Every structure is written in structure tokens, then in C-alpha cells.
Amino acid sequence: MAKKIAEKERDTSTEEKIKEAARRVFHKKGFAATRTRDIAEEADINLSLLNYYFRSKEKLFEIIMFETLGEFVKGLFPVLNNEDTSLVEKVSAVADHYIDSIKEEPEIPGFIISEIRHNVNNILERIPVKEILGNSVIVRQFNEELQKGNLKDVNPIQFMMNMLGLVLFPFIAQPLIMNGTGVNHEEFIKLMDQRKKLIPIWIEAMLKA
């Protein structure tokens, strides 16, 4: 009974403050390089208070990982299941959504790709990506266009990888691109905004029979 009362009395604002600090640190440094002390310092609290709210780095990371992945995927599903848009219009909507989102939080693609390798089975148990994508409107539309002979005989998995790769890879490789080409951050963002128009054109050219 005393434990339940203590749980209720916990300050949710402090809990959210810790989670936001953990999100920033984990996204920047990843799980292995992050210490609980780093998160406590980022949240401007003492370490014992962090341990009171979240008993281990692993537990806190799991929360942040699934919240981040959930938010990332959540924006994709409504686009892929829109009955009123064509295949190419969906590609354009995906490019618009993710380029605009990642410009605000550029560490997210690298964070997800880096950490998902160590936790893929648990992630697939919590988020049934295969079932969700397999039943999506975009895959149905792709197969319908394929059967009509309007598309090249391409596996829909290749289509999805191309679409997401064209959006995500430049952000993952941003330091290499900027240092290798001499473009500054503002110029890089302009290039990514241009890709919102170019990606649907490229995908359509790749798919057309």
C-alpha cells in the first residue's frame, strides 16, 4: 500500500524532464556511450533522483527507444494507408513528412538504425512491422499496378527500401556529405528540401514499365 502511494506521489513533471533529457543524450550518444550520470546532468538533477524514477539505464533506454521508434513509424502508417492518394502521391507525402521531421531532429535516423540492430527481435514483437506493411494500402496499390503491367516487375520490398533510403540516407551520412562536399548546414537543408520534389520523380522513373 505504501509503495502505491509513493508511486502516485511521484512528480510526473520531473519524470518527463528526465525522459526528455534521456532522449537528447541517447539520440546523440547511443546506449553504449551514455552514462546515467550524463542523463542526470542533462536533466539538472542528482543521480539518486534519476534512479528513483528509473531504476536502470536499460529500463530508461527501452522507454526512449520504443517511444522514438513509435513516433517515427506513427507518421508513416497514415500516409501508406490513405485510400485517396496514388502510389506516387504517397511517395511524395512520405518524403515531405520525414524530411521536415528529421530536419528538426537529425539524430533520429542514425539512432534508430544503430540501436535497432541490438534489439530487433524485441522491436518486432512490440511493433509487427511485417504484418502492418503487408496489409497496407500502398502495397496493395503497388501489386495492382504491377498486375496491370504499369510497373516494372520489382519486388515491393525493393520499392519500400528505395523510397525510405532516398529520404533517410542523406541524413545518416550528413557529416560525410557536408565535410566531403564543403556544403554548410543551411545548404544541406536546401538540398533536402529539393529532394522532396525530386524523390517522387526518381521513384516513378524507376517503377515505370
N, C-alpha and C. Protein backbone atom coordinates (compact mmCIF):
# COMPACT_ATOMS: atom_id res chain seq x y z
N MET A 1 0.83 -1.20 0.00
CA MET A 1 0.00 0.00 0.00
C MET A 1 0.87 1.26 0.00
N ALA A 2 1.88 1.25 0.84
CA ALA A 2 2.79 2.41 0.92
C ALA A 2 3.50 2.64 -0.40
N LYS A 3 3.83 1.53 -1.09
CA LYS A 3 4.52 1.64 -2.37
C LYS A 3 3.62 2.30 -3.40
N LYS A 4 2.32 1.92 -3.40
CA LYS A 4 1.38 2.51 -4.35
C LYS A 4 1.21 4.00 -4.11
N ILE A 5 1.14 4.38 -2.84
CA ILE A 5 1.02 5.80 -2.51
C ILE A 5 2.24 6.57 -2.98
N ALA A 6 3.42 5.97 -2.77
CA ALA A 6 4.66 6.62 -3.20
C ALA A 6 4.69 6.81 -4.71
N GLU A 7 4.20 5.78 -5.44
CA GLU A 7 4.18 5.88 -6.90
C GLU A 7 3.28 7.03 -7.34
N LYS A 8 2.12 7.19 -6.69
CA LYS A 8 1.19 8.24 -7.05
C LYS A 8 1.76 9.62 -6.76
N GLU A 9 2.60 9.68 -5.72
CA GLU A 9 3.13 10.97 -5.30
C GLU A 9 4.33 11.42 -6.14
N ARG A 10 4.80 10.54 -6.99
CA ARG A 10 5.93 10.93 -7.83
C ARG A 10 5.54 12.08 -8.75
N ASP A 11 6.45 12.99 -8.91
CA ASP A 11 6.20 14.18 -9.71
C ASP A 11 6.32 13.83 -11.19
N THR A 12 5.20 13.86 -11.90
CA THR A 12 5.23 13.49 -13.32
C THR A 12 6.03 14.49 -14.14
N SER A 13 6.07 15.75 -13.72
CA SER A 13 6.86 16.74 -14.45
C SER A 13 8.34 16.42 -14.38
N THR A 14 8.80 15.94 -13.21
CA THR A 14 10.20 15.53 -13.07
C THR A 14 10.48 14.30 -13.93
N GLU A 15 9.53 13.39 -13.95
CA GLU A 15 9.69 12.18 -14.76
C GLU A 15 9.82 12.54 -16.24
N GLU A 16 8.99 13.45 -16.70
CA GLU A 16 9.05 13.87 -18.10
C GLU A 16 10.35 14.62 -18.38
N LYS A 17 10.80 15.41 -17.40
CA LYS A 17 12.06 16.13 -17.56
C LYS A 17 13.22 15.16 -17.75
N ILE A 18 13.21 14.08 -16.98
CA ILE A 18 14.25 13.06 -17.11
C ILE A 18 14.17 12.38 -18.46
N LYS A 19 12.96 12.05 -18.89
CA LYS A 19 12.79 11.38 -20.18
C LYS A 19 13.26 12.26 -21.33
N GLU A 20 12.95 13.54 -21.27
CA GLU A 20 13.39 14.46 -22.33
C GLU A 20 14.90 14.57 -22.36
N ALA A 21 15.51 14.63 -21.18
CA ALA A 21 16.98 14.67 -21.11
C ALA A 21 17.57 13.38 -21.65
N ALA A 22 16.98 12.25 -21.27
CA ALA A 22 17.46 10.94 -21.75
C ALA A 22 17.33 10.85 -23.26
N ARG A 23 16.22 11.36 -23.79
CA ARG A 23 16.01 11.33 -25.23
C ARG A 23 17.14 12.08 -25.95
N ARG A 24 17.47 13.27 -25.44
CA ARG A 24 18.52 14.06 -26.09
C ARG A 24 19.86 13.36 -26.02
N VAL A 25 20.19 12.80 -24.86
CA VAL A 25 21.50 12.16 -24.69
C VAL A 25 21.59 10.86 -25.47
N PHE A 26 20.55 10.01 -25.38
CA PHE A 26 20.57 8.74 -26.11
C PHE A 26 20.61 8.98 -27.62
N HIS A 27 19.83 9.93 -28.10
CA HIS A 27 19.82 10.20 -29.53
C HIS A 27 21.19 10.64 -30.02
N LYS A 28 21.89 11.39 -29.18
CA LYS A 28 23.20 11.91 -29.59
C LYS A 28 24.32 10.87 -29.42
N LYS A 29 24.30 10.12 -28.30
CA LYS A 29 25.43 9.26 -27.96
C LYS A 29 25.14 7.77 -28.10
N GLY A 30 23.86 7.39 -28.17
CA GLY A 30 23.54 5.98 -28.21
C GLY A 30 23.58 5.35 -26.82
N PHE A 31 23.16 4.09 -26.75
CA PHE A 31 23.07 3.42 -25.46
C PHE A 31 24.43 3.20 -24.81
N ALA A 32 25.36 2.62 -25.57
CA ALA A 32 26.64 2.18 -25.00
C ALA A 32 27.45 3.35 -24.44
N ALA A 33 27.44 4.48 -25.12
CA ALA A 33 28.28 5.61 -24.72
C ALA A 33 27.62 6.50 -23.67
N THR A 34 26.37 6.24 -23.35
CA THR A 34 25.65 7.07 -22.39
C THR A 34 25.76 6.52 -20.98
N ARG A 35 26.05 7.39 -20.02
CA ARG A 35 26.04 7.02 -18.61
C ARG A 35 24.80 7.65 -17.96
N THR A 36 24.31 7.00 -16.92
CA THR A 36 23.18 7.60 -16.21
C THR A 36 23.55 8.98 -15.66
N ARG A 37 24.82 9.15 -15.33
CA ARG A 37 25.27 10.46 -14.85
C ARG A 37 25.12 11.52 -15.94
N ASP A 38 25.34 11.13 -17.20
CA ASP A 38 25.17 12.07 -18.31
C ASP A 38 23.72 12.57 -18.37
N ILE A 39 22.79 11.64 -18.18
CA ILE A 39 21.37 12.00 -18.24
C ILE A 39 20.99 12.88 -17.06
N ALA A 40 21.50 12.54 -15.88
CA ALA A 40 21.22 13.35 -14.69
C ALA A 40 21.73 14.77 -14.86
N GLU A 41 22.92 14.90 -15.42
CA GLU A 41 23.48 16.23 -15.65
C GLU A 41 22.66 17.00 -16.68
N GLU A 42 22.23 16.31 -17.73
CA GLU A 42 21.42 16.95 -18.77
C GLU A 42 20.08 17.43 -18.19
N ALA A 43 19.52 16.63 -17.28
CA ALA A 43 18.24 16.98 -16.65
C ALA A 43 18.41 17.94 -15.48
N ASP A 44 19.67 18.18 -15.09
CA ASP A 44 19.98 19.07 -13.97
C ASP A 44 19.36 18.56 -12.66
N ILE A 45 19.53 17.26 -12.43
CA ILE A 45 19.07 16.63 -11.18
C ILE A 45 20.20 15.78 -10.64
N ASN A 46 20.06 15.30 -9.40
CA ASN A 46 21.09 14.42 -8.87
C ASN A 46 20.81 12.98 -9.31
N LEU A 47 21.85 12.17 -9.28
CA LEU A 47 21.77 10.80 -9.80
C LEU A 47 20.79 9.94 -9.01
N SER A 48 20.70 10.14 -7.72
CA SER A 48 19.80 9.33 -6.90
C SER A 48 18.34 9.58 -7.29
N LEU A 49 18.01 10.81 -7.69
CA LEU A 49 16.64 11.11 -8.11
C LEU A 49 16.33 10.41 -9.43
N LEU A 50 17.30 10.38 -10.32
CA LEU A 50 17.09 9.65 -11.58
C LEU A 50 16.85 8.17 -11.30
N ASN A 51 17.64 7.61 -10.41
CA ASN A 51 17.48 6.18 -10.08
C ASN A 51 16.16 5.90 -9.38
N TYR A 52 15.62 6.89 -8.69
CA TYR A 52 14.32 6.73 -8.04
C TYR A 52 13.21 6.58 -9.08
N TYR A 53 13.29 7.39 -10.14
CA TYR A 53 12.26 7.35 -11.17
C TYR A 53 12.48 6.21 -12.15
N PHE A 54 13.72 5.95 -12.51
CA PHE A 54 14.04 4.90 -13.48
C PHE A 54 15.19 4.08 -12.91
N ARG A 55 14.93 2.84 -12.60
CA ARG A 55 15.86 2.06 -11.81
C ARG A 55 17.14 1.67 -12.54
N SER A 56 17.15 1.74 -13.86
CA SER A 56 18.37 1.37 -14.58
C SER A 56 18.44 2.11 -15.91
N LYS A 57 19.62 2.21 -16.45
CA LYS A 57 19.81 2.83 -17.77
C LYS A 57 19.08 2.00 -18.82
N GLU A 58 19.10 0.68 -18.66
CA GLU A 58 18.45 -0.20 -19.63
C GLU A 58 16.95 0.06 -19.71
N LYS A 59 16.33 0.22 -18.52
CA LYS A 59 14.88 0.46 -18.49
C LYS A 59 14.55 1.80 -19.14
N LEU A 60 15.31 2.82 -18.83
CA LEU A 60 15.07 4.14 -19.40
C LEU A 60 15.30 4.13 -20.91
N PHE A 61 16.35 3.45 -21.33
CA PHE A 61 16.63 3.37 -22.76
C PHE A 61 15.51 2.67 -23.51
N GLU A 62 15.00 1.59 -22.94
CA GLU A 62 13.92 0.86 -23.60
C GLU A 62 12.70 1.76 -23.82
N ILE A 63 12.39 2.56 -22.82
CA ILE A 63 11.26 3.50 -22.95
C ILE A 63 11.52 4.49 -24.08
N ILE A 64 12.71 5.08 -24.09
CA ILE A 64 13.05 6.08 -25.10
C ILE A 64 13.10 5.46 -26.48
N MET A 65 13.66 4.27 -26.57
CA MET A 65 13.79 3.59 -27.86
C MET A 65 12.42 3.35 -28.49
N PHE A 66 11.50 2.79 -27.71
CA PHE A 66 10.20 2.46 -28.26
C PHE A 66 9.34 3.70 -28.49
N GLU A 67 9.50 4.71 -27.67
CA GLU A 67 8.78 5.96 -27.93
C GLU A 67 9.29 6.61 -29.22
N THR A 68 10.61 6.63 -29.40
CA THR A 68 11.19 7.21 -30.60
C THR A 68 10.77 6.46 -31.84
N LEU A 69 10.89 5.14 -31.79
CA LEU A 69 10.51 4.31 -32.93
C LEU A 69 9.02 4.42 -33.20
N GLY A 70 8.22 4.43 -32.13
CA GLY A 70 6.78 4.55 -32.29
C GLY A 70 6.39 5.85 -32.96
N GLU A 71 7.01 6.96 -32.54
CA GLU A 71 6.72 8.26 -33.14
C GLU A 71 7.17 8.29 -34.60
N PHE A 72 8.31 7.66 -34.87
CA PHE A 72 8.85 7.64 -36.22
C PHE A 72 7.94 6.87 -37.17
N VAL A 73 7.47 5.71 -36.70
CA VAL A 73 6.63 4.84 -37.53
C VAL A 73 5.21 5.39 -37.62
N LYS A 74 4.75 6.02 -36.54
CA LYS A 74 3.37 6.52 -36.49
C LYS A 74 3.08 7.48 -37.63
N GLY A 75 4.04 8.29 -38.02
CA GLY A 75 3.83 9.23 -39.10
C GLY A 75 3.77 8.57 -40.46
N LEU A 76 4.27 7.34 -40.54
CA LEU A 76 4.31 6.63 -41.82
C LEU A 76 2.99 5.94 -42.15
N PHE A 77 2.36 5.33 -41.16
CA PHE A 77 1.19 4.49 -41.43
C PHE A 77 0.00 5.24 -42.03
N PRO A 78 -0.36 6.43 -41.53
CA PRO A 78 -1.49 7.13 -42.16
C PRO A 78 -1.24 7.45 -43.63
N VAL A 79 0.01 7.75 -43.96
CA VAL A 79 0.36 8.06 -45.34
C VAL A 79 0.23 6.82 -46.22
N LEU A 80 0.76 5.70 -45.73
CA LEU A 80 0.75 4.47 -46.52
C LEU A 80 -0.64 3.88 -46.67
N ASN A 81 -1.57 4.26 -45.81
CA ASN A 81 -2.91 3.68 -45.84
C ASN A 81 -3.99 4.67 -46.28
N ASN A 82 -3.56 5.74 -46.92
CA ASN A 82 -4.51 6.73 -47.44
C ASN A 82 -5.13 6.19 -48.73
N GLU A 83 -6.42 5.94 -48.71
CA GLU A 83 -7.12 5.39 -49.87
C GLU A 83 -7.27 6.42 -51.00
N ASP A 84 -7.08 7.68 -50.70
CA ASP A 84 -7.37 8.75 -51.66
C ASP A 84 -6.14 9.24 -52.43
N THR A 85 -4.97 8.66 -52.17
CA THR A 85 -3.77 9.10 -52.87
C THR A 85 -3.18 7.97 -53.69
N SER A 86 -2.52 8.34 -54.78
CA SER A 86 -1.88 7.36 -55.65
C SER A 86 -0.56 6.90 -55.06
N LEU A 87 0.06 5.96 -55.73
CA LEU A 87 1.35 5.43 -55.30
C LEU A 87 2.40 6.56 -55.24
N VAL A 88 2.49 7.33 -56.31
CA VAL A 88 3.50 8.40 -56.37
C VAL A 88 3.16 9.51 -55.37
N GLU A 89 1.88 9.79 -55.19
CA GLU A 89 1.49 10.80 -54.19
C GLU A 89 1.88 10.36 -52.78
N LYS A 90 1.80 9.06 -52.52
CA LYS A 90 2.23 8.55 -51.21
C LYS A 90 3.73 8.73 -51.03
N VAL A 91 4.49 8.48 -52.10
CA VAL A 91 5.95 8.69 -52.03
C VAL A 91 6.25 10.15 -51.71
N SER A 92 5.55 11.05 -52.36
CA SER A 92 5.74 12.48 -52.12
C SER A 92 5.39 12.84 -50.67
N ALA A 93 4.31 12.26 -50.15
CA ALA A 93 3.90 12.55 -48.77
C ALA A 93 4.90 12.01 -47.77
N VAL A 94 5.45 10.82 -48.03
CA VAL A 94 6.48 10.25 -47.15
C VAL A 94 7.72 11.14 -47.14
N ALA A 95 8.15 11.58 -48.33
CA ALA A 95 9.32 12.46 -48.42
C ALA A 95 9.09 13.76 -47.68
N ASP A 96 7.93 14.37 -47.88
CA ASP A 96 7.61 15.63 -47.19
C ASP A 96 7.62 15.45 -45.67
N HIS A 97 6.94 14.39 -45.21
CA HIS A 97 6.80 14.18 -43.77
C HIS A 97 8.15 13.95 -43.11
N TYR A 98 8.93 13.03 -43.64
CA TYR A 98 10.15 12.66 -42.95
C TYR A 98 11.26 13.69 -43.11
N ILE A 99 11.37 14.30 -44.26
CA ILE A 99 12.40 15.32 -44.40
C ILE A 99 12.13 16.49 -43.46
N ASP A 100 10.87 16.92 -43.38
CA ASP A 100 10.53 18.00 -42.45
C ASP A 100 10.74 17.59 -41.00
N SER A 101 10.37 16.35 -40.66
CA SER A 101 10.53 15.88 -39.28
C SER A 101 11.99 15.74 -38.89
N ILE A 102 12.78 15.15 -39.77
CA ILE A 102 14.17 14.87 -39.43
C ILE A 102 15.01 16.15 -39.42
N LYS A 103 14.61 17.15 -40.17
CA LYS A 103 15.32 18.43 -40.09
C LYS A 103 15.29 18.97 -38.67
N GLU A 104 14.21 18.68 -37.94
CA GLU A 104 14.08 19.14 -36.56
C GLU A 104 14.89 18.28 -35.60
N GLU A 105 15.00 16.98 -35.89
CA GLU A 105 15.74 16.06 -35.02
C GLU A 105 16.62 15.15 -35.88
N PRO A 106 17.74 15.67 -36.39
CA PRO A 106 18.56 14.94 -37.36
C PRO A 106 19.26 13.70 -36.81
N GLU A 107 19.30 13.56 -35.48
CA GLU A 107 19.99 12.38 -34.92
C GLU A 107 19.13 11.11 -34.97
N ILE A 108 17.82 11.25 -35.19
CA ILE A 108 16.91 10.12 -35.04
C ILE A 108 17.21 8.97 -36.01
N PRO A 109 17.40 9.20 -37.32
CA PRO A 109 17.65 8.05 -38.20
C PRO A 109 18.88 7.24 -37.79
N GLY A 110 19.97 7.92 -37.48
CA GLY A 110 21.18 7.22 -37.05
C GLY A 110 20.98 6.48 -35.75
N PHE A 111 20.27 7.10 -34.83
CA PHE A 111 19.98 6.47 -33.55
C PHE A 111 19.19 5.18 -33.74
N ILE A 112 18.11 5.25 -34.53
CA ILE A 112 17.27 4.08 -34.74
C ILE A 112 18.03 2.96 -35.43
N ILE A 113 18.75 3.29 -36.49
CA ILE A 113 19.46 2.26 -37.24
C ILE A 113 20.56 1.63 -36.40
N SER A 114 21.28 2.45 -35.64
CA SER A 114 22.36 1.93 -34.81
C SER A 114 21.84 1.00 -33.72
N GLU A 115 20.77 1.43 -33.05
CA GLU A 115 20.30 0.69 -31.88
C GLU A 115 19.38 -0.47 -32.23
N ILE A 116 18.71 -0.41 -33.38
CA ILE A 116 17.76 -1.45 -33.74
C ILE A 116 18.46 -2.79 -33.97
N ARG A 117 19.72 -2.72 -34.36
CA ARG A 117 20.48 -3.95 -34.61
C ARG A 117 20.63 -4.78 -33.34
N HIS A 118 20.66 -4.13 -32.21
CA HIS A 118 20.89 -4.83 -30.95
C HIS A 118 19.58 -5.28 -30.29
N ASN A 119 18.46 -4.88 -30.88
CA ASN A 119 17.19 -5.13 -30.20
C ASN A 119 16.08 -5.49 -31.18
N VAL A 120 16.46 -6.03 -32.35
CA VAL A 120 15.50 -6.19 -33.43
C VAL A 120 14.38 -7.16 -33.08
N ASN A 121 14.67 -8.26 -32.41
CA ASN A 121 13.61 -9.24 -32.10
C ASN A 121 12.58 -8.66 -31.15
N ASN A 122 13.04 -7.95 -30.13
CA ASN A 122 12.12 -7.33 -29.18
C ASN A 122 11.27 -6.27 -29.87
N ILE A 123 11.88 -5.53 -30.78
CA ILE A 123 11.15 -4.49 -31.50
C ILE A 123 10.06 -5.10 -32.37
N LEU A 124 10.38 -6.16 -33.08
CA LEU A 124 9.41 -6.80 -33.96
C LEU A 124 8.27 -7.45 -33.19
N GLU A 125 8.55 -7.84 -31.95
CA GLU A 125 7.48 -8.38 -31.10
C GLU A 125 6.52 -7.27 -30.68
N ARG A 126 7.06 -6.09 -30.43
CA ARG A 126 6.24 -4.97 -29.95
C ARG A 126 5.57 -4.22 -31.11
N ILE A 127 6.25 -4.14 -32.25
CA ILE A 127 5.72 -3.42 -33.41
C ILE A 127 5.75 -4.38 -34.61
N PRO A 128 4.62 -5.00 -34.96
CA PRO A 128 4.59 -6.00 -36.04
C PRO A 128 4.68 -5.36 -37.42
N VAL A 129 5.88 -4.89 -37.76
CA VAL A 129 6.08 -4.13 -38.99
C VAL A 129 5.68 -4.95 -40.22
N LYS A 130 6.06 -6.22 -40.25
CA LYS A 130 5.77 -7.06 -41.41
C LYS A 130 4.28 -7.15 -41.68
N GLU A 131 3.50 -7.38 -40.63
CA GLU A 131 2.05 -7.51 -40.80
C GLU A 131 1.42 -6.17 -41.20
N ILE A 132 1.89 -5.10 -40.60
CA ILE A 132 1.32 -3.78 -40.88
C ILE A 132 1.60 -3.36 -42.33
N LEU A 133 2.84 -3.52 -42.76
CA LEU A 133 3.19 -3.14 -44.13
C LEU A 133 2.53 -4.07 -45.14
N GLY A 134 2.49 -5.37 -44.81
CA GLY A 134 1.89 -6.34 -45.73
C GLY A 134 0.44 -6.07 -46.00
N ASN A 135 -0.27 -5.48 -45.04
CA ASN A 135 -1.69 -5.18 -45.19
C ASN A 135 -1.96 -3.73 -45.56
N SER A 136 -0.92 -3.00 -45.91
CA SER A 136 -1.08 -1.57 -46.16
C SER A 136 -1.67 -1.31 -47.55
N VAL A 137 -2.27 -0.13 -47.69
CA VAL A 137 -2.85 0.28 -48.97
C VAL A 137 -1.76 0.44 -50.03
N ILE A 138 -0.59 0.97 -49.63
CA ILE A 138 0.46 1.21 -50.62
C ILE A 138 0.95 -0.09 -51.25
N VAL A 139 1.05 -1.15 -50.48
CA VAL A 139 1.47 -2.44 -51.04
C VAL A 139 0.38 -3.00 -51.95
N ARG A 140 -0.87 -2.84 -51.55
CA ARG A 140 -1.98 -3.29 -52.39
C ARG A 140 -1.98 -2.54 -53.71
N GLN A 141 -1.80 -1.21 -53.65
CA GLN A 141 -1.76 -0.42 -54.88
C GLN A 141 -0.59 -0.83 -55.76
N PHE A 142 0.55 -1.07 -55.13
CA PHE A 142 1.73 -1.49 -55.88
C PHE A 142 1.44 -2.78 -56.63
N ASN A 143 0.87 -3.76 -55.95
CA ASN A 143 0.58 -5.05 -56.59
C ASN A 143 -0.48 -4.92 -57.68
N GLU A 144 -1.45 -4.05 -57.48
CA GLU A 144 -2.48 -3.83 -58.51
C GLU A 144 -1.86 -3.23 -59.77
N GLU A 145 -0.99 -2.23 -59.59
CA GLU A 145 -0.33 -1.61 -60.73
C GLU A 145 0.61 -2.60 -61.43
N LEU A 146 1.21 -3.46 -60.64
CA LEU A 146 2.11 -4.49 -61.19
C LEU A 146 1.32 -5.46 -62.07
N GLN A 147 0.17 -5.89 -61.59
CA GLN A 147 -0.68 -6.82 -62.34
C GLN A 147 -1.22 -6.19 -63.62
N LYS A 148 -1.45 -4.89 -63.61
CA LYS A 148 -1.92 -4.20 -64.81
C LYS A 148 -0.82 -3.99 -65.84
N GLY A 149 0.42 -4.25 -65.43
CA GLY A 149 1.54 -4.04 -66.33
C GLY A 149 2.03 -2.61 -66.37
N ASN A 150 1.61 -1.80 -65.40
CA ASN A 150 2.02 -0.40 -65.37
C ASN A 150 3.37 -0.18 -64.70
N LEU A 151 3.87 -1.20 -64.01
CA LEU A 151 5.15 -1.09 -63.31
C LEU A 151 6.10 -2.18 -63.76
N LYS A 152 7.39 -1.92 -63.58
CA LYS A 152 8.38 -2.95 -63.80
C LYS A 152 8.17 -4.07 -62.79
N ASP A 153 8.61 -5.25 -63.13
CA ASP A 153 8.45 -6.40 -62.23
C ASP A 153 9.49 -6.29 -61.11
N VAL A 154 9.12 -5.49 -60.11
CA VAL A 154 10.02 -5.21 -58.99
C VAL A 154 9.35 -5.67 -57.70
N ASN A 155 10.13 -6.31 -56.83
CA ASN A 155 9.61 -6.71 -55.53
C ASN A 155 9.20 -5.45 -54.74
N PRO A 156 8.01 -5.46 -54.14
CA PRO A 156 7.60 -4.27 -53.36
C PRO A 156 8.57 -3.91 -52.24
N ILE A 157 9.33 -4.89 -51.77
CA ILE A 157 10.33 -4.60 -50.73
C ILE A 157 11.40 -3.67 -51.30
N GLN A 158 11.79 -3.91 -52.56
CA GLN A 158 12.76 -3.03 -53.21
C GLN A 158 12.21 -1.61 -53.31
N PHE A 159 10.92 -1.51 -53.64
CA PHE A 159 10.26 -0.20 -53.73
C PHE A 159 10.31 0.53 -52.39
N MET A 160 9.97 -0.17 -51.31
CA MET A 160 9.96 0.45 -49.99
C MET A 160 11.37 0.85 -49.56
N MET A 161 12.35 -0.02 -49.84
CA MET A 161 13.73 0.30 -49.46
C MET A 161 14.24 1.52 -50.22
N ASN A 162 13.90 1.60 -51.51
CA ASN A 162 14.33 2.76 -52.30
C ASN A 162 13.70 4.04 -51.77
N MET A 163 12.40 3.98 -51.48
CA MET A 163 11.70 5.17 -51.01
C MET A 163 12.30 5.67 -49.69
N LEU A 164 12.43 4.77 -48.72
CA LEU A 164 12.94 5.19 -47.41
C LEU A 164 14.43 5.52 -47.48
N GLY A 165 15.18 4.78 -48.29
CA GLY A 165 16.61 5.04 -48.41
C GLY A 165 16.90 6.42 -48.98
N LEU A 166 16.12 6.82 -50.00
CA LEU A 166 16.32 8.14 -50.60
C LEU A 166 16.04 9.26 -49.61
N VAL A 167 15.13 9.01 -48.68
CA VAL A 167 14.80 10.02 -47.67
C VAL A 167 15.82 10.01 -46.53
N LEU A 168 16.13 8.82 -46.02
CA LEU A 168 16.87 8.72 -44.76
C LEU A 168 18.40 8.77 -44.92
N PHE A 169 18.91 8.16 -45.98
CA PHE A 169 20.37 8.02 -46.07
C PHE A 169 21.11 9.36 -46.03
N PRO A 170 20.66 10.40 -46.75
CA PRO A 170 21.41 11.66 -46.68
C PRO A 170 21.54 12.21 -45.26
N PHE A 171 20.50 12.02 -44.42
CA PHE A 171 20.59 12.48 -43.05
C PHE A 171 21.60 11.65 -42.26
N ILE A 172 21.61 10.33 -42.49
CA ILE A 172 22.56 9.46 -41.80
C ILE A 172 23.98 9.82 -42.20
N ALA A 173 24.17 10.13 -43.48
CA ALA A 173 25.50 10.44 -43.99
C ALA A 173 25.80 11.94 -44.00
N GLN A 174 25.00 12.72 -43.28
CA GLN A 174 25.14 14.18 -43.33
C GLN A 174 26.55 14.69 -43.02
N PRO A 175 27.21 14.21 -41.95
CA PRO A 175 28.58 14.70 -41.70
C PRO A 175 29.53 14.41 -42.86
N LEU A 176 29.42 13.21 -43.44
CA LEU A 176 30.29 12.86 -44.57
C LEU A 176 29.99 13.73 -45.78
N ILE A 177 28.71 13.94 -46.07
CA ILE A 177 28.31 14.75 -47.22
C ILE A 177 28.79 16.19 -47.04
N MET A 178 28.57 16.75 -45.86
CA MET A 178 28.94 18.15 -45.63
C MET A 178 30.45 18.33 -45.68
N ASN A 179 31.19 17.45 -45.01
CA ASN A 179 32.66 17.58 -44.99
C ASN A 179 33.27 17.24 -46.35
N GLY A 180 32.65 16.28 -47.05
CA GLY A 180 33.20 15.85 -48.34
C GLY A 180 32.92 16.80 -49.48
N THR A 181 31.85 17.58 -49.36
CA THR A 181 31.47 18.48 -50.46
C THR A 181 31.68 19.94 -50.12
N GLY A 182 31.84 20.24 -48.84
CA GLY A 182 32.04 21.63 -48.43
C GLY A 182 30.76 22.42 -48.23
N VAL A 183 29.59 21.75 -48.34
CA VAL A 183 28.33 22.48 -48.12
C VAL A 183 28.16 22.72 -46.62
N ASN A 184 27.55 23.85 -46.28
CA ASN A 184 27.28 24.12 -44.87
C ASN A 184 25.90 23.59 -44.51
N HIS A 185 25.51 23.78 -43.25
CA HIS A 185 24.24 23.20 -42.79
C HIS A 185 23.05 23.79 -43.54
N GLU A 186 23.06 25.09 -43.76
CA GLU A 186 21.95 25.73 -44.47
C GLU A 186 21.83 25.20 -45.89
N GLU A 187 22.96 25.01 -46.55
CA GLU A 187 22.95 24.49 -47.92
C GLU A 187 22.47 23.04 -47.94
N PHE A 188 22.86 22.27 -46.93
CA PHE A 188 22.40 20.88 -46.85
C PHE A 188 20.88 20.82 -46.70
N ILE A 189 20.33 21.67 -45.85
CA ILE A 189 18.88 21.70 -45.66
C ILE A 189 18.17 22.07 -46.96
N LYS A 190 18.73 23.00 -47.71
CA LYS A 190 18.15 23.37 -49.00
C LYS A 190 18.15 22.17 -49.96
N LEU A 191 19.23 21.41 -49.94
CA LEU A 191 19.31 20.21 -50.77
C LEU A 191 18.23 19.21 -50.37
N MET A 192 18.01 19.05 -49.08
CA MET A 192 16.98 18.11 -48.62
C MET A 192 15.59 18.60 -48.99
N ASP A 193 15.35 19.90 -48.94
CA ASP A 193 14.06 20.43 -49.37
C ASP A 193 13.84 20.18 -50.86
N GLN A 194 14.90 20.28 -51.65
CA GLN A 194 14.79 19.98 -53.08
C GLN A 194 14.44 18.52 -53.31
N ARG A 195 14.94 17.64 -52.43
CA ARG A 195 14.67 16.20 -52.59
C ARG A 195 13.18 15.87 -52.40
N LYS A 196 12.45 16.71 -51.69
CA LYS A 196 11.02 16.45 -51.52
C LYS A 196 10.30 16.42 -52.87
N LYS A 197 10.80 17.21 -53.82
CA LYS A 197 10.22 17.20 -55.17
C LYS A 197 10.89 16.15 -56.07
N LEU A 198 12.16 15.90 -55.83
CA LEU A 198 12.91 15.01 -56.71
C LEU A 198 12.63 13.53 -56.44
N ILE A 199 12.45 13.16 -55.18
CA ILE A 199 12.29 11.74 -54.83
C ILE A 199 11.09 11.11 -55.54
N PRO A 200 9.90 11.74 -55.56
CA PRO A 200 8.79 11.12 -56.31
C PRO A 200 9.10 10.95 -57.80
N ILE A 201 9.83 11.90 -58.38
CA ILE A 201 10.20 11.81 -59.79
C ILE A 201 11.12 10.62 -60.02
N TRP A 202 12.11 10.47 -59.14
CA TRP A 202 13.06 9.36 -59.27
C TRP A 202 12.37 8.01 -59.09
N ILE A 203 11.51 7.92 -58.06
CA ILE A 203 10.82 6.66 -57.80
C ILE A 203 9.91 6.29 -58.97
N GLU A 204 9.19 7.26 -59.50
CA GLU A 204 8.29 7.00 -60.63
C GLU A 204 9.09 6.52 -61.85
N ALA A 205 10.24 7.14 -62.08
CA ALA A 205 11.09 6.73 -63.21
C ALA A 205 11.60 5.30 -63.02
N MET A 206 11.91 4.93 -61.79
CA MET A 206 12.40 3.57 -61.52
C MET A 206 11.32 2.53 -61.68
N LEU A 207 10.07 2.91 -61.43
CA LEU A 207 8.97 1.93 -61.40
C LEU A 207 8.29 1.75 -62.74
N LYS A 208 8.29 2.76 -63.57
CA LYS A 208 7.50 2.70 -64.80
C LYS A 208 8.01 1.61 -65.74
N ALA A 209 7.04 0.84 -66.27
CA ALA A 209 7.38 -0.26 -67.19
C ALA A 209 7.81 0.31 -68.54
